[in-house]
Amino acid sequence: MISAIGSDFGVEHDKTVDPEEVANELDDIVGTFYTYTLPAALVPLKMKKEGK
C-alpha cells in the first residue's frame, strides 16, 4: 500500500517531496491503515501470551 501511495504522489520522480506533506494530504476516512496494520500488531502479542 505504501508503494501505491508513493507512486500516486510522484515520490519516485520528485525526491524533494516531504513525507509529512504526503501524510497530511491523505484522508483515511475508513481507517484503512488501522484495519490492515492492527491485526499484524496483535499476532506477536497473542503468540507471546500463548508461550509460542
PDB file of N, CA and C in Angstrom:
ATOM      1  N   MET A   1       0.821  -1.181   0.000  1.00  0.00           N
ATOM      2  CA  MET A   1       0.000   0.000   0.000  1.00  0.00           C
ATOM      3  C   MET A   1       0.873   1.256   0.000  1.00  0.00           C
ATOM      4  N   ILE A   2       1.987   1.196   0.700  1.00  0.00           N
ATOM      5  CA  ILE A   2       2.881   2.359   0.747  1.00  0.00           C
ATOM      6  C   ILE A   2       3.429   2.685  -0.633  1.00  0.00           C
ATOM      7  N   SER A   3       3.789   1.662  -1.413  1.00  0.00           N
ATOM      8  CA  SER A   3       4.317   1.916  -2.754  1.00  0.00           C
ATOM      9  C   SER A   3       3.246   2.518  -3.656  1.00  0.00           C
ATOM     10  N   ALA A   4       2.003   2.108  -3.478  1.00  0.00           N
ATOM     11  CA  ALA A   4       0.914   2.682  -4.272  1.00  0.00           C
ATOM     12  C   ALA A   4       0.727   4.158  -3.941  1.00  0.00           C
ATOM     13  N   ILE A   5       0.813   4.475  -2.684  1.00  0.00           N
ATOM     14  CA  ILE A   5       0.680   5.881  -2.277  1.00  0.00           C
ATOM     15  C   ILE A   5       1.855   6.697  -2.801  1.00  0.00           C
ATOM     16  N   GLY A   6       3.058   6.136  -2.689  1.00  0.00           N
ATOM     17  CA  GLY A   6       4.241   6.836  -3.175  1.00  0.00           C
ATOM     18  C   GLY A   6       4.181   7.105  -4.667  1.00  0.00           C
ATOM     19  N   SER A   7       3.717   6.113  -5.435  1.00  0.00           N
ATOM     20  CA  SER A   7       3.645   6.308  -6.878  1.00  0.00           C
ATOM     21  C   SER A   7       2.532   7.281  -7.241  1.00  0.00           C
ATOM     22  N   ASP A   8       1.477   7.289  -6.468  1.00  0.00           N
ATOM     23  CA  ASP A   8       0.371   8.200  -6.746  1.00  0.00           C
ATOM     24  C   ASP A   8       0.770   9.652  -6.507  1.00  0.00           C
ATOM     25  N   PHE A   9       1.629   9.891  -5.539  1.00  0.00           N
ATOM     26  CA  PHE A   9       2.060  11.252  -5.238  1.00  0.00           C
ATOM     27  C   PHE A   9       3.343  11.635  -5.968  1.00  0.00           C
ATOM     28  N   GLY A  10       3.868  10.766  -6.823  1.00  0.00           N
ATOM     29  CA  GLY A  10       5.033  11.091  -7.630  1.00  0.00           C
ATOM     30  C   GLY A  10       6.334  11.172  -6.856  1.00  0.00           C
ATOM     31  N   VAL A  11       6.455  10.399  -5.815  1.00  0.00           N
ATOM     32  CA  VAL A  11       7.655  10.441  -4.983  1.00  0.00           C
ATOM     33  C   VAL A  11       8.874   9.934  -5.746  1.00  0.00           C
ATOM     34  N   GLU A  12       8.672   8.974  -6.639  1.00  0.00           N
ATOM     35  CA  GLU A  12       9.801   8.429  -7.405  1.00  0.00           C
ATOM     36  C   GLU A  12      10.444   9.477  -8.313  1.00  0.00           C
ATOM     37  N   HIS A  13       9.635  10.365  -8.854  1.00  0.00           N
ATOM     38  CA  HIS A  13      10.152  11.352  -9.797  1.00  0.00           C
ATOM     39  C   HIS A  13      10.664  12.611  -9.111  1.00  0.00           C
ATOM     40  N   ASP A  14      10.071  12.954  -7.993  1.00  0.00           N
ATOM     41  CA  ASP A  14      10.459  14.164  -7.278  1.00  0.00           C
ATOM     42  C   ASP A  14      10.902  13.783  -5.868  1.00  0.00           C
ATOM     43  N   LYS A  15      12.203  13.708  -5.663  1.00  0.00           N
ATOM     44  CA  LYS A  15      12.755  13.274  -4.374  1.00  0.00           C
ATOM     45  C   LYS A  15      12.637  14.347  -3.287  1.00  0.00           C
ATOM     46  N   THR A  16      12.170  15.546  -3.652  1.00  0.00           N
ATOM     47  CA  THR A  16      12.052  16.615  -2.677  1.00  0.00           C
ATOM     48  C   THR A  16      10.696  16.633  -1.988  1.00  0.00           C
ATOM     49  N   VAL A  17       9.841  15.671  -2.307  1.00  0.00           N
ATOM     50  CA  VAL A  17       8.521  15.616  -1.688  1.00  0.00           C
ATOM     51  C   VAL A  17       8.686  15.302  -0.200  1.00  0.00           C
ATOM     52  N   ASP A  18       8.076  16.115   0.627  1.00  0.00           N
ATOM     53  CA  ASP A  18       8.161  15.944   2.075  1.00  0.00           C
ATOM     54  C   ASP A  18       7.160  14.871   2.518  1.00  0.00           C
ATOM     55  N   PRO A  19       7.627  13.827   3.203  1.00  0.00           N
ATOM     56  CA  PRO A  19       6.713  12.769   3.654  1.00  0.00           C
ATOM     57  C   PRO A  19       5.603  13.295   4.565  1.00  0.00           C
ATOM     58  N   GLU A  20       5.881  14.325   5.322  1.00  0.00           N
ATOM     59  CA  GLU A  20       4.857  14.904   6.192  1.00  0.00           C
ATOM     60  C   GLU A  20       3.726  15.516   5.370  1.00  0.00           C
ATOM     61  N   GLU A  21       4.075  16.151   4.242  1.00  0.00           N
ATOM     62  CA  GLU A  21       3.054  16.738   3.378  1.00  0.00           C
ATOM     63  C   GLU A  21       2.173  15.651   2.772  1.00  0.00           C
ATOM     64  N   VAL A  22       2.799  14.563   2.342  1.00  0.00           N
ATOM     65  CA  VAL A  22       2.039  13.451   1.767  1.00  0.00           C
ATOM     66  C   VAL A  22       1.095  12.880   2.817  1.00  0.00           C
ATOM     67  N   ALA A  23       1.578  12.692   4.032  1.00  0.00           N
ATOM     68  CA  ALA A  23       0.741  12.147   5.101  1.00  0.00           C
ATOM     69  C   ALA A  23      -0.421  13.078   5.432  1.00  0.00           C
ATOM     70  N   ASN A  24      -0.175  14.365   5.385  1.00  0.00           N
ATOM     71  CA  ASN A  24      -1.246  15.325   5.679  1.00  0.00           C
ATOM     72  C   ASN A  24      -2.305  15.367   4.585  1.00  0.00           C
ATOM     73  N   GLU A  25      -1.932  15.001   3.359  1.00  0.00           N
ATOM     74  CA  GLU A  25      -2.884  15.024   2.256  1.00  0.00           C
ATOM     75  C   GLU A  25      -3.757  13.779   2.200  1.00  0.00           C
ATOM     76  N   LEU A  26      -3.379  12.746   2.906  1.00  0.00           N
ATOM     77  CA  LEU A  26      -4.157  11.508   2.878  1.00  0.00           C
ATOM     78  C   LEU A  26      -5.363  11.601   3.802  1.00  0.00           C
ATOM     79  N   ASP A  27      -6.505  11.233   3.268  1.00  0.00           N
ATOM     80  CA  ASP A  27      -7.709  11.147   4.079  1.00  0.00           C
ATOM     81  C   ASP A  27      -7.987   9.678   4.335  1.00  0.00           C
ATOM     82  N   ASP A  28      -7.843   9.265   5.563  1.00  0.00           N
ATOM     83  CA  ASP A  28      -8.073   7.874   5.922  1.00  0.00           C
ATOM     84  C   ASP A  28      -9.416   7.778   6.640  1.00  0.00           C
ATOM     85  N   ILE A  29     -10.455   8.092   5.895  1.00  0.00           N
ATOM     86  CA  ILE A  29     -11.794   8.166   6.467  1.00  0.00           C
ATOM     87  C   ILE A  29     -12.249   6.813   7.012  1.00  0.00           C
ATOM     88  N   VAL A  30     -11.995   5.760   6.297  1.00  0.00           N
ATOM     89  CA  VAL A  30     -12.475   4.432   6.666  1.00  0.00           C
ATOM     90  C   VAL A  30     -11.561   3.772   7.690  1.00  0.00           C
ATOM     91  N   GLY A  31     -10.368   4.275   7.849  1.00  0.00           N
ATOM     92  CA  GLY A  31      -9.424   3.673   8.777  1.00  0.00           C
ATOM     93  C   GLY A  31      -8.679   2.516   8.141  1.00  0.00           C
ATOM     94  N   THR A  32      -8.351   2.655   6.869  1.00  0.00           N
ATOM     95  CA  THR A  32      -7.707   1.576   6.119  1.00  0.00           C
ATOM     96  C   THR A  32      -6.388   1.167   6.746  1.00  0.00           C
ATOM     97  N   PHE A  33      -5.553   2.128   7.089  1.00  0.00           N
ATOM     98  CA  PHE A  33      -4.255   1.788   7.668  1.00  0.00           C
ATOM     99  C   PHE A  33      -4.432   1.069   9.001  1.00  0.00           C
ATOM    100  N   TYR A  34      -5.382   1.538   9.791  1.00  0.00           N
ATOM    101  CA  TYR A  34      -5.657   0.916  11.081  1.00  0.00           C
ATOM    102  C   TYR A  34      -6.173  -0.506  10.882  1.00  0.00           C
ATOM    103  N   THR A  35      -7.053  -0.693   9.921  1.00  0.00           N
ATOM    104  CA  THR A  35      -7.647  -2.001   9.670  1.00  0.00           C
ATOM    105  C   THR A  35      -6.604  -3.038   9.286  1.00  0.00           C
ATOM    106  N   TYR A  36      -5.643  -2.648   8.456  1.00  0.00           N
ATOM    107  CA  TYR A  36      -4.675  -3.624   7.957  1.00  0.00           C
ATOM    108  C   TYR A  36      -3.418  -3.741   8.811  1.00  0.00           C
ATOM    109  N   THR A  37      -3.142  -2.786   9.677  1.00  0.00           N
ATOM    110  CA  THR A  37      -1.932  -2.880  10.491  1.00  0.00           C
ATOM    111  C   THR A  37      -2.195  -3.404  11.895  1.00  0.00           C
ATOM    112  N   LEU A  38      -3.383  -3.211  12.429  1.00  0.00           N
ATOM    113  CA  LEU A  38      -3.667  -3.673  13.785  1.00  0.00           C
ATOM    114  C   LEU A  38      -3.585  -5.190  13.918  1.00  0.00           C
ATOM    115  N   PRO A  39      -4.187  -5.983  13.018  1.00  0.00           N
ATOM    116  CA  PRO A  39      -4.058  -7.435  13.170  1.00  0.00           C
ATOM    117  C   PRO A  39      -2.606  -7.904  13.153  1.00  0.00           C
ATOM    118  N   ALA A  40      -1.789  -7.309  12.333  1.00  0.00           N
ATOM    119  CA  ALA A  40      -0.373  -7.692  12.274  1.00  0.00           C
ATOM    120  C   ALA A  40       0.328  -7.339  13.583  1.00  0.00           C
ATOM    121  N   ALA A  41      -0.109  -6.288  14.242  1.00  0.00           N
ATOM    122  CA  ALA A  41       0.499  -5.895  15.506  1.00  0.00           C
ATOM    123  C   ALA A  41       0.058  -6.819  16.646  1.00  0.00           C
ATOM    124  N   LEU A  42      -1.127  -7.400  16.539  1.00  0.00           N
ATOM    125  CA  LEU A  42      -1.646  -8.248  17.609  1.00  0.00           C
ATOM    126  C   LEU A  42      -1.121  -9.680  17.553  1.00  0.00           C
ATOM    127  N   VAL A  43      -0.684 -10.142  16.393  1.00  0.00           N
ATOM    128  CA  VAL A  43      -0.214 -11.519  16.259  1.00  0.00           C
ATOM    129  C   VAL A  43       0.963 -11.818  17.184  1.00  0.00           C
ATOM    130  N   PRO A  44       2.014 -10.991  17.214  1.00  0.00           N
ATOM    131  CA  PRO A  44       3.124 -11.293  18.138  1.00  0.00           C
ATOM    132  C   PRO A  44       2.696 -11.299  19.604  1.00  0.00           C
ATOM    133  N   LEU A  45       1.772 -10.426  19.981  1.00  0.00           N
ATOM    134  CA  LEU A  45       1.300 -10.389  21.364  1.00  0.00           C
ATOM    135  C   LEU A  45       0.577 -11.679  21.734  1.00  0.00           C
ATOM    136  N   LYS A  46      -0.262 -12.154  20.831  1.00  0.00           N
ATOM    137  CA  LYS A  46      -1.007 -13.378  21.091  1.00  0.00           C
ATOM    138  C   LYS A  46      -0.050 -14.568  21.191  1.00  0.00           C
ATOM    139  N   MET A  47       0.942 -14.609  20.322  1.00  0.00           N
ATOM    140  CA  MET A  47       1.901 -15.709  20.350  1.00  0.00           C
ATOM    141  C   MET A  47       2.715 -15.675  21.643  1.00  0.00           C
ATOM    142  N   LYS A  48       3.046 -14.464  22.108  1.00  0.00           N
ATOM    143  CA  LYS A  48       3.821 -14.335  23.341  1.00  0.00           C
ATOM    144  C   LYS A  48       2.989 -14.801  24.546  1.00  0.00           C
ATOM    145  N   LYS A  49       1.689 -14.482  24.554  1.00  0.00           N
ATOM    146  CA  LYS A  49       0.814 -14.883  25.650  1.00  0.00           C
ATOM    147  C   LYS A  49       0.655 -16.399  25.710  1.00  0.00           C
ATOM    148  N   GLU A  50       0.596 -17.038  24.545  1.00  0.00           N
ATOM    149  CA  GLU A  50       0.402 -18.476  24.492  1.00  0.00           C
ATOM    150  C   GLU A  50       1.700 -19.242  24.718  1.00  0.00           C
ATOM    151  N   GLY A  51       2.798 -18.535  24.808  1.00  0.00           N
ATOM    152  CA  GLY A  51       4.084 -19.162  25.083  1.00  0.00           C
ATOM    153  C   GLY A  51       4.732 -19.828  23.888  1.00  0.00           C
ATOM    154  N   LYS A  52       4.368 -19.411  22.707  1.00  0.00           N
ATOM    155  CA  LYS A  52       4.960 -19.997  21.486  1.00  0.00           C
ATOM    156  C   LYS A  52       6.069 -19.127  20.965  1.00  0.00           C
TER     157      LYS A  52
END
